[in-house]
Amino acid sequence: MGIEVSSLMTRNGAPLLLLSFKSPQPQNPMMTLHKATPIRPVNCLRKGAVLISVITVMVIVGVLGVAVISLTQSSQHSSFSFNASSRTYYLAESGLRYAQDIYCKEGWPDGSQRTLSLENGEKIEVVREDDTFWATAIVDAGTARARVPMPLCLCGHGAGPAPVNLGSAGDFVILTKSGITNNSTSAITGDIGTSPFTGAFMTGLTQSQVMGNIYSVDAAGPPGSITDPTKLTSAVLAMEAAYTDAAGRPTPDFMELGAGDISGLTLTPGLYKWGTTVTVPTDVTFSGGPNDVWILQVAGTLTVGNAVAIQLAGGAQAKNIFWQVADAITIGTTARFEGTILAQTSIAIQPGATINGRLFAQTAVTLEMNTVTKPE
């Protein structure tokens, strides 16, 4: 029995260790066992530890030249594959690149599988299992297979769905279609703007309250504002696209959690969906790593109570939390809110509330003595 050890790099930069086990006198010269084990980059691991694979048991049986190996790893149980030629291995690698592209653009629900049919009856099956993609290439009418794993950390984000692409709307901290009303002095960090409504619908705002630029479609905006209808039109289109993206994400991980009352809960990364209103009468916690993502789909209104705090734990970041809400949103007095709001209608922020996130409304935003900060 011979053992060959070699390494290669996948296109996304994840190192792979390739072990080949060969019988000394195989009856079939193509009968070779390939096992590819990913060595996960440090930033892919939840606790930042390097994945150390330990082979604890090997049982090698020669039956018609087929080698069988059983391996146990510290992070997952590994499977094996038979008759894996170079072609099947590299077809499997191609399947993983396909999975990377789809996952980064639109997400890929856990447990779902996609099949790519190739010429000559060959095919590639790709499935997501928890935090790993498995690609299986099948050639020669199923007589040769190669199964290759790859961790999900492909797009710079961790657990949960792919983040919502904000496009040019991401340049703004407050963006609306029909106006921004500030009823008293507020402190805003980041750019703000309204389009297509005239700049006259941004009221109560002065440049001294905004650490950033105020954009208007015309010269009627607040003193010191910048007239740039082209920039605003592009940003509003991106805002609408982001809303549609978030609202259209399929296969939620959690449905109707708490019957719409999420007070006191700890939310792990994932896609959440409610068919009615959502209320937050007491504190709620988002717990996850700095690259983990949350998308909350709300078909009704969203109401955050007075003095309620949205807590972040474990390194979770506001920039990775997306609240997609189809109806009106109210953030209570002195509440502390985290995340980007993608609202189909209006957003009303009550006196003294603070926002670490973005306010995107397809109608208007109302402020009153608030602090609004664009997350980094």
Protein backbone atom coordinates (compact mmCIF):
# COMPACT_ATOMS: atom_id res chain seq x y z
CA MET A 1 0.00 0.00 0.00
CA GLY A 2 1.48 3.35 -1.02
CA ILE A 3 0.52 6.78 0.30
CA GLU A 4 1.10 9.92 -1.77
CA VAL A 5 0.70 13.35 -0.17
CA SER A 6 0.36 16.53 -2.20
CA SER A 7 -1.23 19.92 -1.76
CA LEU A 8 -2.93 22.43 -3.99
CA MET A 9 -4.78 25.72 -3.68
CA THR A 10 -8.39 26.21 -4.72
CA ARG A 11 -9.29 29.28 -6.75
CA ASN A 12 -10.67 31.01 -3.68
CA GLY A 13 -7.39 30.51 -1.85
CA ALA A 14 -8.36 27.72 0.54
CA PRO A 15 -5.50 25.21 0.86
CA LEU A 16 -6.36 21.54 0.25
CA LEU A 17 -4.42 18.47 1.35
CA LEU A 18 -4.72 15.59 -1.15
CA LEU A 19 -4.01 12.06 0.05
CA SER A 20 -3.83 9.20 -2.53
CA PHE A 21 -3.87 5.57 -1.43
CA LYS A 22 -2.97 2.88 -3.98
CA SER A 23 -2.99 -0.89 -3.77
CA PRO A 24 0.37 -2.42 -4.78
CA GLN A 25 -1.17 -4.61 -7.51
CA PRO A 26 -4.53 -3.14 -8.49
CA GLN A 27 -6.58 -5.16 -10.94
CA ASN A 28 -7.92 -1.89 -12.28
CA PRO A 29 -5.18 0.73 -12.85
CA MET A 30 -7.78 3.52 -12.53
CA MET A 31 -8.83 2.37 -9.08
CA THR A 32 -7.38 5.10 -6.87
CA LEU A 33 -8.81 6.64 -3.70
CA HIS A 34 -8.60 10.42 -3.41
CA LYS A 35 -9.50 12.26 -0.23
CA ALA A 36 -9.44 16.05 -0.22
CA THR A 37 -9.61 17.69 3.18
CA PRO A 38 -9.87 21.49 3.50
CA ILE A 39 -7.56 23.27 5.89
CA ARG A 40 -9.81 26.20 6.81
CA PRO A 41 -8.31 29.68 6.88
CA VAL A 42 -8.22 31.25 10.33
CA ASN A 43 -10.92 33.80 9.50
CA CYS A 44 -13.31 31.02 8.46
CA LEU A 45 -13.51 29.47 11.92
CA ARG A 46 -16.11 30.60 14.45
CA LYS A 47 -13.59 30.70 17.27
CA GLY A 48 -10.60 31.68 15.16
CA ALA A 49 -8.79 28.36 15.72
CA VAL A 50 -6.93 26.59 12.92
CA LEU A 51 -8.59 23.34 11.86
CA ILE A 52 -6.27 20.45 12.83
CA SER A 53 -7.13 17.15 11.15
CA VAL A 54 -6.11 14.05 13.09
CA ILE A 55 -6.26 10.65 11.40
CA THR A 56 -6.99 8.19 14.23
CA VAL A 57 -7.97 4.95 12.49
CA MET A 58 -6.98 3.41 9.15
CA VAL A 59 -8.40 0.10 7.97
CA ILE A 60 -7.18 -0.83 4.53
CA VAL A 61 -8.86 -3.72 2.74
CA GLY A 62 -7.81 -4.84 -0.73
CA VAL A 63 -10.88 -6.13 -2.59
CA LEU A 64 -10.45 -6.13 -6.37
CA GLY A 65 -7.91 -3.40 -5.99
CA VAL A 66 -10.26 -1.05 -4.05
CA ALA A 67 -8.72 0.72 -1.05
CA VAL A 68 -11.01 1.80 1.79
CA ILE A 69 -10.05 4.24 4.50
CA SER A 70 -11.91 5.53 7.52
CA LEU A 71 -10.82 8.85 8.93
CA THR A 72 -12.00 10.86 11.90
CA GLN A 73 -11.26 14.58 12.03
CA SER A 74 -11.40 16.97 14.92
CA SER A 75 -14.12 19.09 13.30
CA GLN A 76 -16.18 16.65 11.19
CA HIS A 77 -16.36 13.02 10.12
CA SER A 78 -14.89 12.58 6.69
CA SER A 79 -16.21 10.28 4.00
CA PHE A 80 -14.28 8.61 1.22
CA SER A 81 -14.73 8.05 -2.48
CA PHE A 82 -13.73 5.33 -4.96
CA ASN A 83 -12.11 5.47 -8.39
CA ALA A 84 -11.59 9.22 -8.29
CA SER A 85 -9.65 10.16 -11.39
CA SER A 86 -8.08 13.56 -11.93
CA ARG A 87 -10.97 14.55 -14.17
CA THR A 88 -13.61 13.84 -11.54
CA TYR A 89 -11.62 15.73 -8.92
CA TYR A 90 -11.28 18.85 -11.04
CA LEU A 91 -14.92 18.68 -12.11
CA ALA A 92 -15.80 18.68 -8.43
CA GLU A 93 -13.57 21.72 -7.94
CA SER A 94 -15.49 23.45 -10.75
CA GLY A 95 -18.71 22.66 -8.90
CA LEU A 96 -17.37 24.41 -5.83
CA ARG A 97 -16.52 27.51 -7.85
CA TYR A 98 -20.10 27.47 -9.17
CA ALA A 99 -21.38 27.16 -5.59
CA GLN A 100 -19.21 30.09 -4.51
CA ASP A 101 -20.66 32.33 -7.21
CA ILE A 102 -24.29 31.44 -6.39
CA TYR A 103 -23.79 31.61 -2.62
CA CYS A 104 -22.17 35.04 -2.73
CA LYS A 105 -24.84 36.48 -5.04
CA GLU A 106 -28.08 35.07 -3.67
CA GLY A 107 -27.34 32.66 -0.85
CA TRP A 108 -27.78 28.88 -0.73
CA PRO A 109 -30.16 27.34 1.83
CA ASP A 110 -28.79 24.63 4.08
CA GLY A 111 -29.63 21.14 2.83
CA SER A 112 -30.44 22.16 -0.74
CA GLN A 113 -28.75 20.57 -3.77
CA ARG A 114 -28.16 21.67 -7.35
CA THR A 115 -27.13 19.44 -10.25
CA LEU A 116 -25.12 20.54 -13.28
CA SER A 117 -25.51 18.26 -16.32
CA LEU A 118 -22.50 18.06 -18.63
CA GLU A 119 -21.74 16.34 -21.92
CA ASN A 120 -21.47 12.56 -22.24
CA GLY A 121 -23.78 12.04 -19.29
CA GLU A 122 -21.36 13.54 -16.77
CA LYS A 123 -22.78 15.65 -13.97
CA ILE A 124 -21.80 17.60 -10.88
CA GLU A 125 -23.95 17.58 -7.74
CA VAL A 126 -23.40 20.34 -5.18
CA VAL A 127 -25.08 20.31 -1.77
CA ARG A 128 -24.79 22.50 1.30
CA GLU A 129 -24.53 20.60 4.59
CA ASP A 130 -24.44 22.95 7.59
CA ASP A 131 -21.31 25.10 7.13
CA THR A 132 -19.79 23.11 4.26
CA PHE A 133 -20.38 22.65 0.54
CA TRP A 134 -19.88 19.18 -0.94
CA ALA A 135 -19.36 18.81 -4.68
CA THR A 136 -19.63 15.37 -6.25
CA ALA A 137 -18.53 14.83 -9.87
CA ILE A 138 -19.86 11.74 -11.63
CA VAL A 139 -18.26 10.51 -14.85
CA ASP A 140 -18.25 7.29 -16.91
CA ALA A 141 -21.92 6.52 -16.16
CA GLY A 142 -21.27 6.72 -12.45
CA THR A 143 -18.24 4.45 -12.24
CA ALA A 144 -15.93 7.21 -11.02
CA ARG A 145 -16.75 9.78 -8.34
CA ALA A 146 -14.86 12.53 -6.51
CA ARG A 147 -16.41 14.28 -3.50
CA VAL A 148 -14.67 17.44 -2.33
CA PRO A 149 -15.67 19.61 0.66
CA MET A 150 -15.22 23.36 1.03
CA PRO A 151 -16.19 25.60 3.99
CA LEU A 152 -18.79 28.33 3.45
CA CYS A 153 -16.54 31.29 4.20
CA LEU A 154 -16.28 32.23 0.54
CA CYS A 155 -17.46 35.83 0.33
CA GLY A 156 -15.97 37.49 3.37
CA HIS A 157 -19.02 36.68 5.49
CA GLY A 158 -19.67 33.90 7.93
CA ALA A 159 -22.83 32.11 9.03
CA GLY A 160 -26.27 33.11 7.80
CA PRO A 161 -27.39 34.28 4.37
CA ALA A 162 -25.30 36.32 1.97
CA PRO A 163 -25.46 40.01 2.93
CA VAL A 164 -27.81 42.33 1.06
CA ASN A 165 -25.97 44.27 -1.62
CA LEU A 166 -26.74 47.96 -0.99
CA GLY A 167 -24.89 49.18 -4.06
CA SER A 168 -24.51 52.96 -4.24
CA ALA A 169 -27.22 53.34 -1.56
CA GLY A 170 -24.56 52.16 0.87
CA ASP A 171 -22.93 55.58 0.58
CA PHE A 172 -25.84 57.03 2.58
CA VAL A 173 -26.91 56.77 6.20
CA ILE A 174 -30.40 58.19 5.48
CA LEU A 175 -32.00 57.90 2.04
CA THR A 176 -35.64 58.48 1.17
CA LYS A 177 -37.92 59.11 -1.79
CA SER A 178 -40.28 61.69 -0.28
CA GLY A 179 -38.44 63.61 2.41
CA ILE A 180 -36.61 63.82 5.74
CA THR A 181 -38.18 65.76 8.61
CA ASN A 182 -36.09 66.68 11.65
CA ASN A 183 -38.30 68.09 14.42
CA SER A 184 -35.41 69.05 16.68
CA THR A 185 -31.64 69.05 16.69
CA SER A 186 -30.16 65.68 15.74
CA ALA A 187 -26.63 64.40 15.16
CA ILE A 188 -26.13 62.48 11.91
CA THR A 189 -22.90 60.83 10.76
CA GLY A 190 -22.91 60.02 7.06
CA ASP A 191 -24.49 61.34 3.87
CA ILE A 192 -28.23 61.92 3.56
CA GLY A 193 -30.54 62.63 0.63
CA THR A 194 -34.00 62.54 -0.92
CA SER A 195 -35.15 61.76 -4.46
CA PRO A 196 -37.28 62.26 -6.50
CA PHE A 197 -39.00 64.75 -4.16
CA THR A 198 -37.52 68.23 -4.20
CA GLY A 199 -34.97 69.26 -1.60
CA ALA A 200 -37.66 71.40 0.04
CA PHE A 201 -38.93 68.20 1.66
CA MET A 202 -35.79 67.96 3.80
CA THR A 203 -36.82 70.17 6.68
CA GLY A 204 -35.30 71.06 10.06
CA LEU A 205 -31.85 70.02 8.89
CA THR A 206 -28.71 72.12 8.84
CA GLN A 207 -25.22 71.26 7.71
CA SER A 208 -24.02 71.61 11.32
CA GLN A 209 -26.14 68.61 12.28
CA VAL A 210 -24.75 66.38 9.54
CA MET A 211 -21.20 65.04 9.58
CA GLY A 212 -21.35 64.26 5.90
CA ASN A 213 -23.05 65.65 2.81
CA ILE A 214 -26.69 66.59 2.26
CA TYR A 215 -27.74 65.71 -1.28
CA SER A 216 -30.70 67.24 -3.08
CA VAL A 217 -32.17 66.89 -6.56
CA ASP A 218 -32.40 70.67 -6.83
CA ALA A 219 -31.33 73.94 -5.24
CA ALA A 220 -34.26 73.87 -2.78
CA GLY A 221 -32.37 71.67 -0.31
CA PRO A 222 -31.08 72.84 3.10
CA PRO A 223 -28.29 75.44 3.12
CA GLY A 224 -24.98 73.83 2.17
CA SER A 225 -26.60 70.89 0.40
CA ILE A 226 -25.15 69.48 -2.82
CA THR A 227 -27.33 69.32 -5.91
CA ASP A 228 -26.71 65.96 -7.58
CA PRO A 229 -29.85 64.34 -9.04
CA THR A 230 -27.81 61.72 -10.91
CA LYS A 231 -26.18 60.39 -7.76
CA LEU A 232 -29.51 60.36 -5.94
CA THR A 233 -31.36 58.58 -8.74
CA SER A 234 -28.73 55.85 -8.81
CA ALA A 235 -28.78 55.48 -5.02
CA VAL A 236 -32.59 55.26 -4.85
CA LEU A 237 -32.63 52.58 -7.53
CA ALA A 238 -30.03 50.66 -5.53
CA MET A 239 -32.15 51.09 -2.37
CA GLU A 240 -35.18 49.65 -4.14
CA ALA A 241 -33.11 46.76 -5.50
CA ALA A 242 -31.78 46.03 -2.01
CA TYR A 243 -35.32 45.94 -0.63
CA THR A 244 -36.41 43.54 -3.37
CA ASP A 245 -33.37 41.35 -2.75
CA ALA A 246 -33.99 41.14 1.01
CA ALA A 247 -37.73 40.55 0.58
CA GLY A 248 -37.20 37.83 -2.00
CA ARG A 249 -34.73 35.64 -0.11
CA PRO A 250 -36.25 32.12 -0.07
CA THR A 251 -36.26 29.32 2.49
CA PRO A 252 -36.11 31.12 5.85
CA ASP A 253 -34.30 29.49 8.74
CA PHE A 254 -36.93 30.77 11.21
CA MET A 255 -40.61 31.52 10.58
CA GLU A 256 -43.03 33.45 12.81
CA LEU A 257 -40.55 33.39 15.69
CA GLY A 258 -42.26 34.40 18.94
CA ALA A 259 -45.49 34.95 16.99
CA GLY A 260 -44.01 38.34 16.10
CA ASP A 261 -42.90 39.30 19.63
CA ILE A 262 -39.13 38.83 19.74
CA SER A 263 -38.53 40.53 23.09
CA GLY A 264 -35.91 38.85 25.25
CA LEU A 265 -34.78 36.52 22.49
CA THR A 266 -31.26 35.85 21.26
CA LEU A 267 -31.14 35.72 17.46
CA THR A 268 -28.45 33.62 15.82
CA PRO A 269 -27.36 34.31 12.20
CA GLY A 270 -29.95 33.39 9.61
CA LEU A 271 -32.98 34.39 7.56
CA TYR A 272 -36.07 35.25 9.62
CA LYS A 273 -39.59 35.67 8.25
CA TRP A 274 -42.85 36.99 9.72
CA GLY A 275 -46.16 37.22 7.89
CA THR A 276 -47.54 39.88 10.25
CA THR A 277 -46.20 42.66 12.49
CA VAL A 278 -43.10 42.42 14.68
CA THR A 279 -42.81 44.07 18.09
CA VAL A 280 -39.78 44.46 20.34
CA PRO A 281 -41.11 45.56 23.77
CA THR A 282 -37.91 44.55 25.62
CA ASP A 283 -34.27 44.04 24.70
CA VAL A 284 -33.29 41.54 22.00
CA THR A 285 -29.78 40.21 21.29
CA PHE A 286 -28.07 39.40 17.99
CA SER A 287 -25.34 36.89 18.79
CA GLY A 288 -22.75 35.86 16.24
CA GLY A 289 -19.34 36.57 14.77
CA PRO A 290 -18.18 39.76 13.04
CA ASN A 291 -18.88 38.31 9.57
CA ASP A 292 -22.21 36.63 10.34
CA VAL A 293 -25.38 37.93 8.67
CA TRP A 294 -29.03 38.38 9.69
CA ILE A 295 -31.95 39.23 7.40
CA LEU A 296 -35.36 39.85 8.97
CA GLN A 297 -38.36 39.84 6.61
CA VAL A 298 -41.39 41.57 8.14
CA ALA A 299 -44.68 41.69 6.22
CA GLY A 300 -46.35 44.14 8.61
CA THR A 301 -45.16 46.97 10.84
CA LEU A 302 -42.08 46.99 13.06
CA THR A 303 -42.32 48.62 16.49
CA VAL A 304 -39.40 48.92 18.91
CA GLY A 305 -40.49 49.97 22.40
CA ASN A 306 -39.29 52.88 24.50
CA ALA A 307 -35.82 52.45 26.05
CA VAL A 308 -35.37 49.08 24.32
CA ALA A 309 -31.83 48.15 23.33
CA ILE A 310 -30.88 45.98 20.39
CA GLN A 311 -27.84 44.21 21.83
CA LEU A 312 -24.90 42.84 19.84
CA ALA A 313 -22.93 39.89 21.23
CA GLY A 314 -19.98 37.76 20.13
CA GLY A 315 -18.64 40.37 17.71
CA ALA A 316 -21.89 40.80 15.71
CA GLN A 317 -21.92 44.00 13.65
CA ALA A 318 -24.76 46.36 12.79
CA LYS A 319 -23.69 46.51 9.14
CA ASN A 320 -24.58 42.81 8.80
CA ILE A 321 -28.16 43.11 10.12
CA PHE A 322 -30.90 43.91 7.59
CA TRP A 323 -34.50 44.70 8.59
CA GLN A 324 -36.77 44.44 5.52
CA VAL A 325 -40.16 45.85 6.52
CA ALA A 326 -43.22 46.18 4.27
CA ASP A 327 -45.13 48.60 6.51
CA ALA A 328 -44.41 51.54 8.83
CA ILE A 329 -41.57 51.45 11.35
CA THR A 330 -41.48 53.14 14.76
CA ILE A 331 -38.39 53.24 16.99
CA GLY A 332 -39.36 54.24 20.54
CA THR A 333 -38.11 57.03 22.77
CA THR A 334 -34.47 56.58 23.90
CA ALA A 335 -34.30 53.18 22.21
CA ARG A 336 -30.98 51.93 20.87
CA PHE A 337 -31.31 50.34 17.44
CA GLU A 338 -28.79 48.37 15.37
CA GLY A 339 -28.87 47.51 11.66
CA THR A 340 -29.99 48.72 8.26
CA ILE A 341 -33.71 49.36 7.83
CA LEU A 342 -35.07 48.72 4.34
CA ALA A 343 -38.58 50.17 4.56
CA GLN A 344 -41.23 50.09 1.89
CA THR A 345 -43.05 52.96 3.60
CA SER A 346 -42.07 55.32 6.45
CA ILE A 347 -39.63 55.33 9.37
CA ALA A 348 -40.39 57.36 12.53
CA ILE A 349 -37.65 57.74 15.16
CA GLN A 350 -38.94 58.97 18.51
CA PRO A 351 -37.09 61.52 20.73
CA GLY A 352 -33.71 60.49 22.08
CA ALA A 353 -33.41 57.23 20.17
CA THR A 354 -30.04 56.30 18.69
CA ILE A 355 -29.47 54.41 15.46
CA ASN A 356 -26.29 52.55 14.58
CA GLY A 357 -27.22 51.65 11.05
CA ARG A 358 -28.98 53.06 8.01
CA LEU A 359 -32.49 54.40 7.44
CA PHE A 360 -33.72 53.68 3.91
CA ALA A 361 -37.37 54.57 3.33
CA GLN A 362 -39.36 54.47 0.12
CA THR A 363 -41.50 57.27 1.58
CA ALA A 364 -40.18 59.50 4.42
CA VAL A 365 -38.05 59.49 7.58
CA THR A 366 -38.93 61.53 10.68
CA LEU A 367 -36.32 62.40 13.31
CA GLU A 368 -36.49 64.12 16.69
CA MET A 369 -33.36 64.71 18.76
CA ASN A 370 -31.75 61.52 17.46
CA THR A 371 -28.24 60.25 16.88
CA VAL A 372 -27.87 58.36 13.60
CA THR A 373 -24.52 56.83 12.72
CA LYS A 374 -23.54 54.98 9.56
CA PRO A 375 -22.01 51.63 10.57
CA GLU A 376 -18.48 50.76 9.48
